[in-house]
């Protein structure tokens, strides 16, 4: 999460809206949002998915938890791609390249 917020500008120029989806409660996510905003001057919006419905739709559900990773959903709610990756933040260059690759396929 920290790496994404530090490197959010690497996704500039893309016509996308970004969200963080988590099974955490809205209160927990608001606290994290506020800490990120205080530290970096901005924070992505969070979506609380405590029942893992969206997470499951994205193929990112693991029992009662969510895999770490990232993905893309189009405006109609279709899943474009998902990637399960515990190290996506540590490998931000690889993550950004994959997102841009999938985004460019939509053009």
N, C-alpha and C. Protein backbone atom coordinates (compact mmCIF):
# COMPACT_ATOMS: atom_id res chain seq x y z
N UNK A 1 0.82 -1.18 0.00
CA UNK A 1 0.00 0.00 0.00
C UNK A 1 0.88 1.26 0.00
N UNK A 2 1.91 1.22 0.82
CA UNK A 2 2.82 2.36 0.91
C UNK A 2 3.51 2.59 -0.43
N UNK A 3 4.00 1.51 -1.05
CA UNK A 3 4.69 1.65 -2.33
C UNK A 3 3.78 2.23 -3.40
N UNK A 4 2.53 1.82 -3.41
CA UNK A 4 1.58 2.35 -4.38
C UNK A 4 1.40 3.85 -4.16
N UNK A 5 1.22 4.26 -2.93
CA UNK A 5 1.01 5.68 -2.67
C UNK A 5 2.27 6.50 -2.95
N UNK A 6 3.43 5.92 -2.73
CA UNK A 6 4.68 6.62 -3.05
C UNK A 6 4.87 6.77 -4.56
N UNK A 7 4.32 5.82 -5.33
CA UNK A 7 4.57 5.77 -6.77
C UNK A 7 3.33 5.96 -7.62
N UNK A 8 2.29 6.52 -7.06
CA UNK A 8 1.02 6.67 -7.76
C UNK A 8 1.18 7.45 -9.07
N UNK A 9 2.13 8.36 -9.11
CA UNK A 9 2.35 9.17 -10.32
C UNK A 9 2.80 8.33 -11.51
N UNK A 10 3.27 7.11 -11.29
CA UNK A 10 3.69 6.26 -12.40
C UNK A 10 2.49 5.81 -13.25
N UNK A 11 1.29 6.00 -12.73
CA UNK A 11 0.08 5.65 -13.48
C UNK A 11 -0.62 6.89 -14.03
N UNK A 12 0.03 8.03 -13.94
CA UNK A 12 -0.53 9.26 -14.51
C UNK A 12 -0.74 9.09 -16.02
N UNK A 13 -1.73 9.77 -16.52
CA UNK A 13 -2.01 9.74 -17.95
C UNK A 13 -2.94 8.61 -18.37
N UNK A 14 -3.29 7.77 -17.43
CA UNK A 14 -4.21 6.68 -17.73
C UNK A 14 -5.60 7.11 -17.28
N UNK A 15 -6.59 6.87 -18.11
CA UNK A 15 -7.97 7.24 -17.80
C UNK A 15 -8.59 6.13 -16.94
N UNK A 16 -8.17 6.10 -15.68
CA UNK A 16 -8.65 5.06 -14.76
C UNK A 16 -8.99 5.68 -13.42
N UNK A 17 -9.85 5.00 -12.70
CA UNK A 17 -10.11 5.32 -11.31
C UNK A 17 -9.56 4.16 -10.50
N UNK A 18 -8.85 4.47 -9.44
CA UNK A 18 -8.25 3.42 -8.63
C UNK A 18 -8.90 3.38 -7.25
N UNK A 19 -9.07 2.16 -6.77
CA UNK A 19 -9.64 1.92 -5.45
C UNK A 19 -8.86 0.80 -4.78
N UNK A 20 -8.87 0.81 -3.47
CA UNK A 20 -8.34 -0.29 -2.69
C UNK A 20 -9.54 -1.05 -2.14
N UNK A 21 -9.59 -2.35 -2.39
CA UNK A 21 -10.69 -3.18 -1.91
C UNK A 21 -10.17 -4.06 -0.79
N UNK A 22 -10.89 -4.06 0.33
CA UNK A 22 -10.45 -4.81 1.50
C UNK A 22 -11.66 -5.35 2.25
N UNK A 23 -11.45 -6.43 2.96
CA UNK A 23 -12.54 -6.95 3.79
C UNK A 23 -12.62 -6.22 5.13
N UNK A 24 -11.68 -5.31 5.39
CA UNK A 24 -11.69 -4.54 6.63
C UNK A 24 -12.94 -3.67 6.72
N UNK A 25 -13.29 -3.30 7.93
CA UNK A 25 -14.48 -2.48 8.17
C UNK A 25 -14.27 -1.06 7.65
N UNK A 26 -15.35 -0.35 7.39
CA UNK A 26 -15.21 1.05 6.97
C UNK A 26 -14.42 1.89 7.98
N UNK A 27 -14.59 1.61 9.26
CA UNK A 27 -13.86 2.37 10.29
C UNK A 27 -12.35 2.11 10.20
N UNK A 28 -11.98 0.85 10.01
CA UNK A 28 -10.55 0.52 9.87
C UNK A 28 -9.97 1.17 8.63
N UNK A 29 -10.73 1.14 7.54
CA UNK A 29 -10.25 1.71 6.28
C UNK A 29 -10.16 3.23 6.35
N UNK A 30 -11.09 3.86 7.06
CA UNK A 30 -11.02 5.30 7.23
C UNK A 30 -9.76 5.69 8.00
N UNK A 31 -9.42 4.92 9.02
CA UNK A 31 -8.20 5.19 9.78
C UNK A 31 -6.97 5.07 8.89
N UNK A 32 -6.91 4.01 8.08
CA UNK A 32 -5.78 3.84 7.15
C UNK A 32 -5.75 4.95 6.11
N UNK A 33 -6.91 5.29 5.56
CA UNK A 33 -7.02 6.37 4.59
C UNK A 33 -6.45 7.66 5.17
N UNK A 34 -6.83 7.98 6.37
CA UNK A 34 -6.37 9.21 7.02
C UNK A 34 -4.87 9.20 7.26
N UNK A 35 -4.32 8.05 7.66
CA UNK A 35 -2.87 7.95 7.88
C UNK A 35 -2.11 8.13 6.56
N UNK A 36 -2.61 7.52 5.49
CA UNK A 36 -1.95 7.67 4.19
C UNK A 36 -2.04 9.11 3.70
N UNK A 37 -3.18 9.72 3.88
CA UNK A 37 -3.36 11.10 3.46
C UNK A 37 -2.43 12.03 4.24
N UNK A 38 -2.31 11.78 5.53
CA UNK A 38 -1.42 12.59 6.36
C UNK A 38 0.04 12.41 5.94
N UNK A 39 0.42 11.18 5.63
CA UNK A 39 1.81 10.89 5.27
C UNK A 39 2.16 11.33 3.86
N UNK A 40 1.27 11.07 2.88
CA UNK A 40 1.59 11.31 1.47
C UNK A 40 0.84 12.47 0.84
N UNK A 41 -0.08 13.06 1.58
CA UNK A 41 -0.85 14.17 1.03
C UNK A 41 -2.02 13.72 0.18
N UNK A 42 -2.21 12.41 0.06
CA UNK A 42 -3.32 11.85 -0.71
C UNK A 42 -3.51 10.39 -0.30
N UNK A 43 -4.66 9.86 -0.62
CA UNK A 43 -4.92 8.44 -0.42
C UNK A 43 -5.95 8.00 -1.44
N UNK A 44 -5.77 6.82 -1.94
CA UNK A 44 -6.78 6.24 -2.82
C UNK A 44 -8.04 5.98 -1.99
N UNK A 45 -9.20 6.00 -2.63
CA UNK A 45 -10.42 5.64 -1.91
C UNK A 45 -10.43 4.13 -1.62
N UNK A 46 -11.06 3.78 -0.52
CA UNK A 46 -11.16 2.39 -0.11
C UNK A 46 -12.59 1.89 -0.27
N UNK A 47 -12.73 0.61 -0.59
CA UNK A 47 -14.02 -0.05 -0.65
C UNK A 47 -13.98 -1.17 0.38
N UNK A 48 -14.92 -1.13 1.32
CA UNK A 48 -15.03 -2.18 2.31
C UNK A 48 -15.88 -3.31 1.75
N UNK A 49 -15.34 -4.51 1.73
CA UNK A 49 -16.02 -5.68 1.20
C UNK A 49 -15.95 -6.81 2.25
N UNK A 50 -16.61 -6.61 3.40
CA UNK A 50 -16.48 -7.57 4.50
C UNK A 50 -17.00 -8.96 4.17
N UNK A 51 -17.93 -9.07 3.25
CA UNK A 51 -18.46 -10.38 2.86
C UNK A 51 -17.74 -10.98 1.66
N UNK A 52 -16.71 -10.29 1.18
CA UNK A 52 -15.85 -10.76 0.10
C UNK A 52 -16.58 -10.99 -1.22
N UNK A 53 -17.68 -10.29 -1.44
CA UNK A 53 -18.45 -10.49 -2.67
C UNK A 53 -17.68 -10.01 -3.90
N UNK A 54 -17.20 -8.77 -3.87
CA UNK A 54 -16.43 -8.26 -5.01
C UNK A 54 -15.10 -8.98 -5.12
N UNK A 55 -14.49 -9.21 -3.99
CA UNK A 55 -13.21 -9.93 -3.98
C UNK A 55 -13.37 -11.32 -4.60
N UNK A 56 -14.46 -11.99 -4.27
CA UNK A 56 -14.73 -13.31 -4.86
C UNK A 56 -14.97 -13.19 -6.36
N UNK A 57 -15.77 -12.20 -6.77
CA UNK A 57 -16.04 -11.99 -8.20
C UNK A 57 -14.74 -11.80 -8.98
N UNK A 58 -13.77 -11.17 -8.33
CA UNK A 58 -12.49 -10.93 -8.99
C UNK A 58 -11.56 -12.15 -8.93
N UNK A 59 -12.01 -13.22 -8.29
CA UNK A 59 -11.17 -14.41 -8.17
C UNK A 59 -10.05 -14.24 -7.18
N UNK A 60 -10.23 -13.34 -6.22
CA UNK A 60 -9.18 -13.03 -5.27
C UNK A 60 -9.51 -13.52 -3.85
N UNK A 61 -10.53 -14.38 -3.72
CA UNK A 61 -10.94 -14.88 -2.41
C UNK A 61 -10.17 -16.15 -2.09
N UNK A 62 -9.69 -16.23 -0.86
CA UNK A 62 -8.99 -17.42 -0.38
C UNK A 62 -9.62 -17.78 0.97
N UNK A 63 -10.54 -18.73 0.94
CA UNK A 63 -11.31 -19.10 2.13
C UNK A 63 -12.04 -17.87 2.67
N UNK A 64 -11.72 -17.45 3.88
CA UNK A 64 -12.37 -16.26 4.46
C UNK A 64 -11.47 -15.03 4.38
N UNK A 65 -10.50 -15.07 3.51
CA UNK A 65 -9.55 -13.97 3.36
C UNK A 65 -9.49 -13.56 1.89
N UNK A 66 -8.73 -12.52 1.65
CA UNK A 66 -8.49 -12.07 0.27
C UNK A 66 -7.01 -12.21 -0.04
N UNK A 67 -6.74 -12.65 -1.27
CA UNK A 67 -5.36 -12.63 -1.74
C UNK A 67 -4.93 -11.17 -1.88
N UNK A 68 -3.66 -10.93 -1.74
CA UNK A 68 -3.12 -9.61 -2.09
C UNK A 68 -2.87 -9.61 -3.58
N UNK A 69 -3.06 -8.47 -4.18
CA UNK A 69 -2.82 -8.37 -5.61
C UNK A 69 -3.50 -7.15 -6.17
N UNK A 70 -3.78 -7.20 -7.47
CA UNK A 70 -4.38 -6.06 -8.14
C UNK A 70 -5.12 -6.56 -9.37
N UNK A 71 -5.95 -5.71 -9.92
CA UNK A 71 -6.71 -6.10 -11.09
C UNK A 71 -7.37 -4.89 -11.72
N UNK A 72 -8.19 -5.16 -12.72
CA UNK A 72 -8.87 -4.09 -13.44
C UNK A 72 -10.29 -4.55 -13.76
N UNK A 73 -11.23 -3.65 -13.52
CA UNK A 73 -12.64 -3.87 -13.83
C UNK A 73 -13.07 -2.75 -14.75
N UNK A 74 -13.83 -3.08 -15.81
CA UNK A 74 -14.30 -2.02 -16.70
C UNK A 74 -15.56 -1.35 -16.12
N UNK A 75 -16.04 -0.34 -16.80
CA UNK A 75 -17.17 0.45 -16.31
C UNK A 75 -18.44 -0.37 -16.20
N UNK A 76 -18.54 -1.47 -16.92
CA UNK A 76 -19.71 -2.34 -16.86
C UNK A 76 -19.60 -3.40 -15.77
N UNK A 77 -18.47 -3.43 -15.08
CA UNK A 77 -18.28 -4.40 -14.01
C UNK A 77 -17.64 -5.70 -14.45
N UNK A 78 -17.16 -5.76 -15.70
CA UNK A 78 -16.48 -6.95 -16.19
C UNK A 78 -15.03 -6.98 -15.70
N UNK A 79 -14.59 -8.14 -15.29
CA UNK A 79 -13.21 -8.28 -14.82
C UNK A 79 -12.30 -8.36 -16.05
N UNK A 80 -11.37 -7.43 -16.15
CA UNK A 80 -10.42 -7.41 -17.26
C UNK A 80 -9.25 -8.34 -16.96
N UNK A 81 -8.68 -8.23 -15.77
CA UNK A 81 -7.63 -9.13 -15.33
C UNK A 81 -7.46 -9.00 -13.82
N UNK A 82 -6.88 -10.01 -13.22
CA UNK A 82 -6.47 -9.96 -11.82
C UNK A 82 -5.13 -10.65 -11.70
N UNK A 83 -4.37 -10.22 -10.73
CA UNK A 83 -3.07 -10.81 -10.46
C UNK A 83 -2.93 -10.99 -8.96
N UNK A 84 -2.72 -12.21 -8.52
CA UNK A 84 -2.45 -12.50 -7.12
C UNK A 84 -0.95 -12.35 -6.92
N UNK A 85 -0.57 -11.46 -6.01
CA UNK A 85 0.86 -11.18 -5.85
C UNK A 85 1.09 -10.49 -4.51
N UNK A 86 1.65 -11.22 -3.56
CA UNK A 86 1.96 -10.64 -2.25
C UNK A 86 3.01 -9.54 -2.33
N UNK A 87 3.79 -9.51 -3.38
CA UNK A 87 4.92 -8.58 -3.48
C UNK A 87 4.70 -7.48 -4.51
N UNK A 88 3.46 -7.24 -4.90
CA UNK A 88 3.18 -6.25 -5.95
C UNK A 88 3.70 -4.87 -5.59
N UNK A 89 3.67 -4.52 -4.32
CA UNK A 89 4.15 -3.20 -3.90
C UNK A 89 5.66 -3.11 -3.92
N UNK A 90 6.31 -4.18 -3.52
CA UNK A 90 7.77 -4.22 -3.53
C UNK A 90 8.32 -4.24 -4.95
N UNK A 91 7.50 -4.74 -5.87
CA UNK A 91 7.90 -4.84 -7.28
C UNK A 91 7.05 -3.86 -8.10
N UNK A 92 7.01 -2.62 -7.65
CA UNK A 92 6.09 -1.63 -8.22
C UNK A 92 6.32 -1.42 -9.71
N UNK A 93 7.55 -1.50 -10.18
CA UNK A 93 7.82 -1.31 -11.61
C UNK A 93 7.14 -2.41 -12.43
N UNK A 94 7.24 -3.65 -11.96
CA UNK A 94 6.59 -4.78 -12.63
C UNK A 94 5.07 -4.63 -12.57
N UNK A 95 4.56 -4.19 -11.43
CA UNK A 95 3.12 -3.98 -11.26
C UNK A 95 2.61 -2.92 -12.22
N UNK A 96 3.29 -1.79 -12.28
CA UNK A 96 2.88 -0.70 -13.17
C UNK A 96 2.93 -1.16 -14.63
N UNK A 97 3.98 -1.89 -14.99
CA UNK A 97 4.10 -2.38 -16.38
C UNK A 97 2.93 -3.29 -16.73
N UNK A 98 2.53 -4.18 -15.83
CA UNK A 98 1.41 -5.09 -16.09
C UNK A 98 0.10 -4.31 -16.22
N UNK A 99 -0.12 -3.34 -15.35
CA UNK A 99 -1.34 -2.54 -15.43
C UNK A 99 -1.39 -1.78 -16.75
N UNK A 100 -0.29 -1.17 -17.13
CA UNK A 100 -0.25 -0.44 -18.41
C UNK A 100 -0.44 -1.37 -19.60
N UNK A 101 0.15 -2.55 -19.54
CA UNK A 101 -0.03 -3.53 -20.62
C UNK A 101 -1.50 -3.88 -20.79
N UNK A 102 -2.18 -4.19 -19.70
CA UNK A 102 -3.59 -4.56 -19.77
C UNK A 102 -4.45 -3.37 -20.18
N UNK A 103 -4.12 -2.20 -19.71
CA UNK A 103 -4.85 -0.99 -20.07
C UNK A 103 -4.73 -0.72 -21.57
N UNK A 104 -3.54 -0.86 -22.12
CA UNK A 104 -3.31 -0.61 -23.54
C UNK A 104 -4.05 -1.61 -24.44
N UNK A 105 -4.31 -2.80 -23.95
CA UNK A 105 -5.08 -3.79 -24.71
C UNK A 105 -6.52 -3.33 -24.92
N UNK A 106 -7.01 -2.45 -24.05
CA UNK A 106 -8.39 -1.97 -24.14
C UNK A 106 -8.58 -0.91 -25.21
N UNK A 107 -7.50 -0.33 -25.68
CA UNK A 107 -7.58 0.76 -26.67
C UNK A 107 -7.84 0.22 -28.05
